[in-house]
């Protein structure tokens, strides 16, 4: 599989849709909690694909949580939950914009992370190297023209947007329903019990791998639309990004 094919592989597409569309989960604060869980699940899943077993600290470092805004403004979002009724008409429009931005950023992060694992650029077991890999991915990603991918996503039709909403809400209801119910009852305790919520979310996320194909079939049009969008990214752009990461990690810029 060449670099461009690797960048359009199903695991990258599936994880990008989960993370990128998570702002559309209709419960404030919980959307951030599940975004963070999806980020950690992606790292663990990608690592396992290439024979790596990472510890919790490595996963946390490589999960890209800070960049995608997981738990950003945590207190403000919790405070905002008090005004759910006031925000309910405006929130979908705000979160839709956030989803477009997140889809773009997390797609390229996923491409580079999986490439690093597949090429042995990260061996595991070294927190300093995990920090270095994350930092280099950020540096390489800075050179990406995100406007192009954002424009492609925004050009999607109304039907695709409805499918996006249905997909992420179905996933959250299927695997994280207990967390949603618990949060609605005990949201005031979230700051004190954040670790517990995170652990429950991560355990639920383990089921995603087994059912990935089912979701792709159920939401076939959504996945096809996403594939069509990323297919418009030039192969050379994807290759240059991955080789730039290789250069930062090893100094080797020779063709693969």
C-alpha atoms as a PDB file:
ATOM      1  CA  UNK A   1       0.000   0.000   0.000  1.00  0.00           C
ATOM      2  CA  UNK A   2       1.497   3.346  -1.028  1.00  0.00           C
ATOM      3  CA  UNK A   3       1.250   6.519   1.075  1.00  0.00           C
ATOM      4  CA  UNK A   4      -1.836   7.903  -0.679  1.00  0.00           C
ATOM      5  CA  UNK A   5      -3.689   4.583  -0.376  1.00  0.00           C
ATOM      6  CA  UNK A   6      -2.676   4.359   3.281  1.00  0.00           C
ATOM      7  CA  UNK A   7      -4.064   7.886   3.839  1.00  0.00           C
ATOM      8  CA  UNK A   8      -7.436   6.804   2.478  1.00  0.00           C
ATOM      9  CA  UNK A   9      -7.659   3.482   4.316  1.00  0.00           C
ATOM     10  CA  UNK A  10     -10.792   2.535   6.209  1.00  0.00           C
ATOM     11  CA  UNK A  11      -9.357   2.798   9.771  1.00  0.00           C
ATOM     12  CA  UNK A  12      -8.314   6.396   9.112  1.00  0.00           C
ATOM     13  CA  UNK A  13     -11.683   7.273   7.581  1.00  0.00           C
ATOM     14  CA  UNK A  14     -13.707   5.616  10.353  1.00  0.00           C
ATOM     15  CA  UNK A  15     -11.712   7.224  13.174  1.00  0.00           C
ATOM     16  CA  UNK A  16     -11.816  10.630  11.488  1.00  0.00           C
ATOM     17  CA  UNK A  17     -15.605  10.517  11.212  1.00  0.00           C
ATOM     18  CA  UNK A  18     -15.977   9.479  14.852  1.00  0.00           C
ATOM     19  CA  UNK A  19     -13.712  12.223  16.183  1.00  0.00           C
ATOM     20  CA  UNK A  20     -14.650  14.888  13.672  1.00  0.00           C
ATOM     21  CA  UNK A  21     -18.402  14.498  14.052  1.00  0.00           C
ATOM     22  CA  UNK A  22     -18.397  14.129  17.848  1.00  0.00           C
ATOM     23  CA  UNK A  23     -19.247  17.842  18.385  1.00  0.00           C
ATOM     24  CA  UNK A  24     -22.687  16.959  16.999  1.00  0.00           C
ATOM     25  CA  UNK A  25     -23.455  14.754  20.011  1.00  0.00           C
ATOM     26  CA  UNK A  26     -26.398  16.649  21.514  1.00  0.00           C
ATOM     27  CA  UNK A  27     -25.251  16.802  25.158  1.00  0.00           C
ATOM     28  CA  UNK A  28     -22.883  19.663  26.046  1.00  0.00           C
ATOM     29  CA  UNK A  29     -19.662  18.594  27.810  1.00  0.00           C
ATOM     30  CA  UNK A  30     -20.365  14.921  27.045  1.00  0.00           C
ATOM     31  CA  UNK A  31     -19.436  15.625  23.423  1.00  0.00           C
ATOM     32  CA  UNK A  32     -15.982  16.722  24.614  1.00  0.00           C
ATOM     33  CA  UNK A  33     -15.712  13.682  26.878  1.00  0.00           C
ATOM     34  CA  UNK A  34     -16.467  11.317  23.988  1.00  0.00           C
ATOM     35  CA  UNK A  35     -14.186  13.217  21.613  1.00  0.00           C
ATOM     36  CA  UNK A  36     -11.350  12.627  24.061  1.00  0.00           C
ATOM     37  CA  UNK A  37     -12.260   8.947  24.311  1.00  0.00           C
ATOM     38  CA  UNK A  38     -12.329   8.588  20.514  1.00  0.00           C
ATOM     39  CA  UNK A  39      -8.896  10.244  20.349  1.00  0.00           C
ATOM     40  CA  UNK A  40      -7.443   7.728  22.796  1.00  0.00           C
ATOM     41  CA  UNK A  41      -9.208   4.826  21.052  1.00  0.00           C
ATOM     42  CA  UNK A  42      -7.673   5.875  17.722  1.00  0.00           C
ATOM     43  CA  UNK A  43      -4.132   5.848  19.120  1.00  0.00           C
ATOM     44  CA  UNK A  44      -4.616   2.435  20.711  1.00  0.00           C
ATOM     45  CA  UNK A  45      -6.238   1.004  17.570  1.00  0.00           C
ATOM     46  CA  UNK A  46      -3.624   2.348  15.165  1.00  0.00           C
ATOM     47  CA  UNK A  47      -0.812   1.116  17.402  1.00  0.00           C
ATOM     48  CA  UNK A  48      -2.325  -2.367  17.611  1.00  0.00           C
ATOM     49  CA  UNK A  49      -2.565  -2.525  13.809  1.00  0.00           C
ATOM     50  CA  UNK A  50       1.202  -2.301  13.680  1.00  0.00           C
ATOM     51  CA  UNK A  51       2.069  -4.528  16.613  1.00  0.00           C
ATOM     52  CA  UNK A  52       2.536  -1.804  19.225  1.00  0.00           C
ATOM     53  CA  UNK A  53       1.169  -1.928  22.756  1.00  0.00           C
ATOM     54  CA  UNK A  54       1.220   1.509  24.370  1.00  0.00           C
ATOM     55  CA  UNK A  55       0.730   2.430  28.007  1.00  0.00           C
ATOM     56  CA  UNK A  56      -1.839   4.958  29.196  1.00  0.00           C
ATOM     57  CA  UNK A  57       0.640   7.830  29.343  1.00  0.00           C
ATOM     58  CA  UNK A  58       1.796   7.245  25.776  1.00  0.00           C
ATOM     59  CA  UNK A  59      -1.795   7.086  24.576  1.00  0.00           C
ATOM     60  CA  UNK A  60      -2.644  10.294  26.379  1.00  0.00           C
ATOM     61  CA  UNK A  61       0.333  12.106  24.852  1.00  0.00           C
ATOM     62  CA  UNK A  62      -0.429  10.937  21.317  1.00  0.00           C
ATOM     63  CA  UNK A  63      -4.198  11.365  21.510  1.00  0.00           C
ATOM     64  CA  UNK A  64      -4.098  14.934  20.198  1.00  0.00           C
ATOM     65  CA  UNK A  65      -6.644  15.937  22.846  1.00  0.00           C
ATOM     66  CA  UNK A  66      -5.354  19.474  23.362  1.00  0.00           C
ATOM     67  CA  UNK A  67      -5.345  20.280  19.667  1.00  0.00           C
ATOM     68  CA  UNK A  68      -8.863  19.019  18.980  1.00  0.00           C
ATOM     69  CA  UNK A  69     -10.215  20.923  21.966  1.00  0.00           C
ATOM     70  CA  UNK A  70     -11.178  18.008  24.185  1.00  0.00           C
ATOM     71  CA  UNK A  71     -12.278  19.451  27.533  1.00  0.00           C
ATOM     72  CA  UNK A  72     -11.389  22.915  26.285  1.00  0.00           C
ATOM     73  CA  UNK A  73     -13.210  25.451  28.359  1.00  0.00           C
ATOM     74  CA  UNK A  74     -14.362  22.661  30.645  1.00  0.00           C
ATOM     75  CA  UNK A  75     -15.807  24.924  33.317  1.00  0.00           C
ATOM     76  CA  UNK A  76     -17.473  27.146  30.748  1.00  0.00           C
ATOM     77  CA  UNK A  77     -19.039  24.180  28.968  1.00  0.00           C
ATOM     78  CA  UNK A  78     -20.332  22.809  32.267  1.00  0.00           C
ATOM     79  CA  UNK A  79     -21.723  26.221  33.142  1.00  0.00           C
ATOM     80  CA  UNK A  80     -23.293  26.332  29.697  1.00  0.00           C
ATOM     81  CA  UNK A  81     -25.174  23.124  30.440  1.00  0.00           C
ATOM     82  CA  UNK A  82     -27.310  25.157  32.841  1.00  0.00           C
ATOM     83  CA  UNK A  83     -28.546  27.162  29.857  1.00  0.00           C
ATOM     84  CA  UNK A  84     -29.257  24.219  27.587  1.00  0.00           C
ATOM     85  CA  UNK A  85     -32.742  25.441  26.752  1.00  0.00           C
ATOM     86  CA  UNK A  86     -31.424  28.850  25.762  1.00  0.00           C
ATOM     87  CA  UNK A  87     -28.705  27.428  23.522  1.00  0.00           C
ATOM     88  CA  UNK A  88     -30.587  24.536  21.949  1.00  0.00           C
ATOM     89  CA  UNK A  89     -31.554  26.439  18.786  1.00  0.00           C
ATOM     90  CA  UNK A  90     -28.136  28.023  18.234  1.00  0.00           C
ATOM     91  CA  UNK A  91     -25.870  25.173  19.301  1.00  0.00           C
ATOM     92  CA  UNK A  92     -26.350  22.913  16.230  1.00  0.00           C
ATOM     93  CA  UNK A  93     -25.054  25.660  13.929  1.00  0.00           C
ATOM     94  CA  UNK A  94     -22.043  26.384  16.141  1.00  0.00           C
ATOM     95  CA  UNK A  95     -21.185  22.723  16.549  1.00  0.00           C
ATOM     96  CA  UNK A  96     -21.574  22.027  12.837  1.00  0.00           C
ATOM     97  CA  UNK A  97     -18.850  24.591  12.156  1.00  0.00           C
ATOM     98  CA  UNK A  98     -16.685  23.063  14.855  1.00  0.00           C
ATOM     99  CA  UNK A  99     -17.177  19.615  13.298  1.00  0.00           C
ATOM    100  CA  UNK A 100     -15.926  20.823   9.896  1.00  0.00           C
ATOM    101  CA  UNK A 101     -12.778  22.252  11.501  1.00  0.00           C
ATOM    102  CA  UNK A 102     -12.218  19.141  13.589  1.00  0.00           C
ATOM    103  CA  UNK A 103     -12.738  16.773  10.632  1.00  0.00           C
ATOM    104  CA  UNK A 104     -10.024  18.584   8.698  1.00  0.00           C
ATOM    105  CA  UNK A 105      -7.459  18.719  11.497  1.00  0.00           C
ATOM    106  CA  UNK A 106      -8.034  15.207  12.808  1.00  0.00           C
ATOM    107  CA  UNK A 107      -7.879  13.629   9.349  1.00  0.00           C
ATOM    108  CA  UNK A 108      -4.327  14.820   8.762  1.00  0.00           C
ATOM    109  CA  UNK A 109      -3.312  13.965  12.318  1.00  0.00           C
ATOM    110  CA  UNK A 110      -4.613  10.420  11.833  1.00  0.00           C
ATOM    111  CA  UNK A 111      -2.782  10.033   8.512  1.00  0.00           C
ATOM    112  CA  UNK A 112       0.530  11.101  10.040  1.00  0.00           C
ATOM    113  CA  UNK A 113       0.115   9.109  13.247  1.00  0.00           C
ATOM    114  CA  UNK A 114      -0.713   5.870  11.446  1.00  0.00           C
ATOM    115  CA  UNK A 115       2.129   6.450   9.011  1.00  0.00           C
ATOM    116  CA  UNK A 116       4.566   6.881  11.902  1.00  0.00           C
ATOM    117  CA  UNK A 117       3.438   3.607  13.459  1.00  0.00           C
ATOM    118  CA  UNK A 118       3.486   1.721  10.149  1.00  0.00           C
ATOM    119  CA  UNK A 119       7.017   2.881   9.310  1.00  0.00           C
ATOM    120  CA  UNK A 120       8.470   2.246  12.761  1.00  0.00           C
ATOM    121  CA  UNK A 121       9.086   5.928  13.425  1.00  0.00           C
ATOM    122  CA  UNK A 122       7.855   5.316  16.957  1.00  0.00           C
ATOM    123  CA  UNK A 123       8.775   2.102  18.750  1.00  0.00           C
ATOM    124  CA  UNK A 124       6.800   2.601  21.953  1.00  0.00           C
ATOM    125  CA  UNK A 125       7.771   2.750  25.601  1.00  0.00           C
ATOM    126  CA  UNK A 126       9.442   6.160  25.547  1.00  0.00           C
ATOM    127  CA  UNK A 127       7.382   9.142  26.745  1.00  0.00           C
ATOM    128  CA  UNK A 128       9.956  11.642  25.503  1.00  0.00           C
ATOM    129  CA  UNK A 129       9.760  10.112  22.039  1.00  0.00           C
ATOM    130  CA  UNK A 130       5.974  10.175  22.197  1.00  0.00           C
ATOM    131  CA  UNK A 131       6.145  13.896  22.941  1.00  0.00           C
ATOM    132  CA  UNK A 132       8.597  14.314  20.072  1.00  0.00           C
ATOM    133  CA  UNK A 133       6.336  12.474  17.638  1.00  0.00           C
ATOM    134  CA  UNK A 134       3.310  14.540  18.621  1.00  0.00           C
ATOM    135  CA  UNK A 135       5.289  17.755  18.340  1.00  0.00           C
ATOM    136  CA  UNK A 136       6.613  16.798  14.900  1.00  0.00           C
ATOM    137  CA  UNK A 137       3.136  15.865  13.688  1.00  0.00           C
ATOM    138  CA  UNK A 138       1.919  19.307  14.755  1.00  0.00           C
ATOM    139  CA  UNK A 139       4.810  20.960  12.940  1.00  0.00           C
ATOM    140  CA  UNK A 140       4.204  19.020   9.729  1.00  0.00           C
ATOM    141  CA  UNK A 141       0.464  19.597   9.891  1.00  0.00           C
ATOM    142  CA  UNK A 142       1.010  23.356  10.046  1.00  0.00           C
ATOM    143  CA  UNK A 143       1.937  23.243   6.383  1.00  0.00           C
ATOM    144  CA  UNK A 144      -1.392  21.767   5.326  1.00  0.00           C
ATOM    145  CA  UNK A 145      -3.932  23.888   3.507  1.00  0.00           C
ATOM    146  CA  UNK A 146      -6.907  23.033   5.717  1.00  0.00           C
ATOM    147  CA  UNK A 147      -9.127  25.459   3.822  1.00  0.00           C
ATOM    148  CA  UNK A 148      -9.236  23.083   0.875  1.00  0.00           C
ATOM    149  CA  UNK A 149     -10.551  20.162   2.898  1.00  0.00           C
ATOM    150  CA  UNK A 150     -12.904  22.382   4.901  1.00  0.00           C
ATOM    151  CA  UNK A 151     -14.373  23.691   1.649  1.00  0.00           C
ATOM    152  CA  UNK A 152     -14.925  20.146   0.402  1.00  0.00           C
ATOM    153  CA  UNK A 153     -16.734  19.208   3.600  1.00  0.00           C
ATOM    154  CA  UNK A 154     -18.851  22.350   3.578  1.00  0.00           C
ATOM    155  CA  UNK A 155     -19.851  21.618  -0.015  1.00  0.00           C
ATOM    156  CA  UNK A 156     -21.528  18.393   1.100  1.00  0.00           C
ATOM    157  CA  UNK A 157     -25.253  18.312   0.559  1.00  0.00           C
ATOM    158  CA  UNK A 158     -27.996  18.521   3.167  1.00  0.00           C
ATOM    159  CA  UNK A 159     -28.481  14.766   2.959  1.00  0.00           C
ATOM    160  CA  UNK A 160     -24.867  14.161   3.939  1.00  0.00           C
ATOM    161  CA  UNK A 161     -25.133  16.527   6.885  1.00  0.00           C
ATOM    162  CA  UNK A 162     -28.227  14.678   8.095  1.00  0.00           C
ATOM    163  CA  UNK A 163     -26.394  11.366   7.740  1.00  0.00           C
ATOM    164  CA  UNK A 164     -23.474  12.784   9.735  1.00  0.00           C
ATOM    165  CA  UNK A 165     -25.787  13.772  12.548  1.00  0.00           C
ATOM    166  CA  UNK A 166     -27.565  10.418  12.488  1.00  0.00           C
ATOM    167  CA  UNK A 167     -24.294   8.465  12.440  1.00  0.00           C
ATOM    168  CA  UNK A 168     -22.628  10.058  15.455  1.00  0.00           C
ATOM    169  CA  UNK A 169     -25.815  10.145  17.503  1.00  0.00           C
ATOM    170  CA  UNK A 170     -26.522   6.478  16.732  1.00  0.00           C
ATOM    171  CA  UNK A 171     -22.984   5.553  17.778  1.00  0.00           C
ATOM    172  CA  UNK A 172     -23.263   7.508  21.022  1.00  0.00           C
ATOM    173  CA  UNK A 173     -26.626   5.932  21.811  1.00  0.00           C
ATOM    174  CA  UNK A 174     -25.404   2.433  20.959  1.00  0.00           C
ATOM    175  CA  UNK A 175     -22.207   2.417  23.008  1.00  0.00           C
ATOM    176  CA  UNK A 176     -22.348   5.362  25.398  1.00  0.00           C
ATOM    177  CA  UNK A 177     -26.005   5.490  26.424  1.00  0.00           C
ATOM    178  CA  UNK A 178     -25.219   4.705  30.060  1.00  0.00           C
ATOM    179  CA  UNK A 179     -22.732   7.570  30.193  1.00  0.00           C
ATOM    180  CA  UNK A 180     -25.278   9.959  28.697  1.00  0.00           C
ATOM    181  CA  UNK A 181     -27.891   8.920  31.257  1.00  0.00           C
ATOM    182  CA  UNK A 182     -25.450   9.104  34.177  1.00  0.00           C
ATOM    183  CA  UNK A 183     -24.222  12.511  33.102  1.00  0.00           C
ATOM    184  CA  UNK A 184     -27.707  13.975  32.902  1.00  0.00           C
ATOM    185  CA  UNK A 185     -28.327  12.825  36.477  1.00  0.00           C
ATOM    186  CA  UNK A 186     -24.940  13.696  37.985  1.00  0.00           C
ATOM    187  CA  UNK A 187     -23.435  16.385  35.761  1.00  0.00           C
ATOM    188  CA  UNK A 188     -22.632  18.560  38.785  1.00  0.00           C
ATOM    189  CA  UNK A 189     -20.139  15.900  39.884  1.00  0.00           C
ATOM    190  CA  UNK A 190     -18.379  15.657  36.527  1.00  0.00           C
ATOM    191  CA  UNK A 191     -15.281  17.588  37.531  1.00  0.00           C
ATOM    192  CA  UNK A 192     -14.773  15.337  40.560  1.00  0.00           C
ATOM    193  CA  UNK A 193     -15.517  12.131  38.658  1.00  0.00           C
ATOM    194  CA  UNK A 194     -13.905  12.960  35.316  1.00  0.00           C
ATOM    195  CA  UNK A 195     -11.507   9.994  35.560  1.00  0.00           C
ATOM    196  CA  UNK A 196     -14.406   7.623  36.176  1.00  0.00           C
ATOM    197  CA  UNK A 197     -16.328   8.978  33.170  1.00  0.00           C
ATOM    198  CA  UNK A 198     -13.182   8.687  31.033  1.00  0.00           C
ATOM    199  CA  UNK A 199     -12.627   5.080  32.073  1.00  0.00           C
ATOM    200  CA  UNK A 200     -16.227   4.129  31.301  1.00  0.00           C
ATOM    201  CA  UNK A 201     -16.045   5.863  27.933  1.00  0.00           C
ATOM    202  CA  UNK A 202     -12.787   4.114  27.018  1.00  0.00           C
ATOM    203  CA  UNK A 203     -14.233   0.718  27.940  1.00  0.00           C
ATOM    204  CA  UNK A 204     -17.286   1.369  25.775  1.00  0.00           C
ATOM    205  CA  UNK A 205     -15.087   2.502  22.877  1.00  0.00           C
ATOM    206  CA  UNK A 206     -13.392  -0.899  22.775  1.00  0.00           C
ATOM    207  CA  UNK A 207     -16.525  -2.218  21.041  1.00  0.00           C
ATOM    208  CA  UNK A 208     -16.068   0.090  18.068  1.00  0.00           C
ATOM    209  CA  UNK A 209     -13.509  -2.107  16.314  1.00  0.00           C
ATOM    210  CA  UNK A 210     -15.820  -5.099  16.141  1.00  0.00           C
ATOM    211  CA  UNK A 211     -18.685  -3.148  14.595  1.00  0.00           C
ATOM    212  CA  UNK A 212     -16.788  -0.780  12.296  1.00  0.00           C
ATOM    213  CA  UNK A 213     -17.870  -2.580   9.135  1.00  0.00           C
ATOM    214  CA  UNK A 214     -21.500  -2.559  10.230  1.00  0.00           C
ATOM    215  CA  UNK A 215     -21.481   1.213  10.656  1.00  0.00           C
ATOM    216  CA  UNK A 216     -19.822   1.675   7.284  1.00  0.00           C
ATOM    217  CA  UNK A 217     -22.547  -0.389   5.641  1.00  0.00           C
ATOM    218  CA  UNK A 218     -25.398   1.295   7.504  1.00  0.00           C
ATOM    219  CA  UNK A 219     -24.082   4.755   6.617  1.00  0.00           C
ATOM    220  CA  UNK A 220     -22.651   3.827   3.243  1.00  0.00           C
ATOM    221  CA  UNK A 221     -23.523   7.157   1.597  1.00  0.00           C
ATOM    222  CA  UNK A 222     -21.799   9.118   4.360  1.00  0.00           C
ATOM    223  CA  UNK A 223     -18.615   7.078   4.060  1.00  0.00           C
ATOM    224  CA  UNK A 224     -18.672   7.345   0.271  1.00  0.00           C
ATOM    225  CA  UNK A 225     -19.054  11.119   0.502  1.00  0.00           C
ATOM    226  CA  UNK A 226     -16.067  11.331   2.823  1.00  0.00           C
ATOM    227  CA  UNK A 227     -13.983   9.087   0.565  1.00  0.00           C
ATOM    228  CA  UNK A 228     -14.895  11.320  -2.374  1.00  0.00           C
ATOM    229  CA  UNK A 229     -13.758  14.394  -0.440  1.00  0.00           C
ATOM    230  CA  UNK A 230     -10.348  13.067   0.574  1.00  0.00           C
ATOM    231  CA  UNK A 231      -9.831  11.531  -2.890  1.00  0.00           C
ATOM    232  CA  UNK A 232      -9.539  15.108  -4.170  1.00  0.00           C
ATOM    233  CA  UNK A 233      -6.455  15.706  -2.052  1.00  0.00           C
ATOM    234  CA  UNK A 234      -3.459  15.315  -4.396  1.00  0.00           C
ATOM    235  CA  UNK A 235      -1.406  12.177  -3.811  1.00  0.00           C
ATOM    236  CA  UNK A 236       1.772  14.230  -3.783  1.00  0.00           C
ATOM    237  CA  UNK A 237       0.493  16.418  -0.947  1.00  0.00           C
ATOM    238  CA  UNK A 238      -0.101  13.364   1.214  1.00  0.00           C
ATOM    239  CA  UNK A 239       3.248  11.858   0.263  1.00  0.00           C
ATOM    240  CA  UNK A 240       5.106  15.100   0.997  1.00  0.00           C
ATOM    241  CA  UNK A 241       3.489  15.356   4.435  1.00  0.00           C
ATOM    242  CA  UNK A 242       4.439  11.832   5.420  1.00  0.00           C
ATOM    243  CA  UNK A 243       7.975  12.173   4.107  1.00  0.00           C
ATOM    244  CA  UNK A 244       8.314  15.465   5.977  1.00  0.00           C
ATOM    245  CA  UNK A 245       7.412  13.642   9.182  1.00  0.00           C
ATOM    246  CA  UNK A 246       9.938  10.917   8.380  1.00  0.00           C
ATOM    247  CA  UNK A 247      12.595  13.579   7.865  1.00  0.00           C
ATOM    248  CA  UNK A 248      11.855  15.144  11.242  1.00  0.00           C
ATOM    249  CA  UNK A 249      11.927  11.802  13.024  1.00  0.00           C
ATOM    250  CA  UNK A 250      14.930  10.202  11.291  1.00  0.00           C
ATOM    251  CA  UNK A 251      16.564  12.654   8.894  1.00  0.00           C
ATOM    252  CA  UNK A 252      15.905  10.159   6.087  1.00  0.00           C
ATOM    253  CA  UNK A 253      14.108  11.780   3.134  1.00  0.00           C
ATOM    254  CA  UNK A 254      14.759   9.004   0.605  1.00  0.00           C
ATOM    255  CA  UNK A 255      11.724   7.570  -1.230  1.00  0.00           C
ATOM    256  CA  UNK A 256       9.962   4.615   0.366  1.00  0.00           C
END
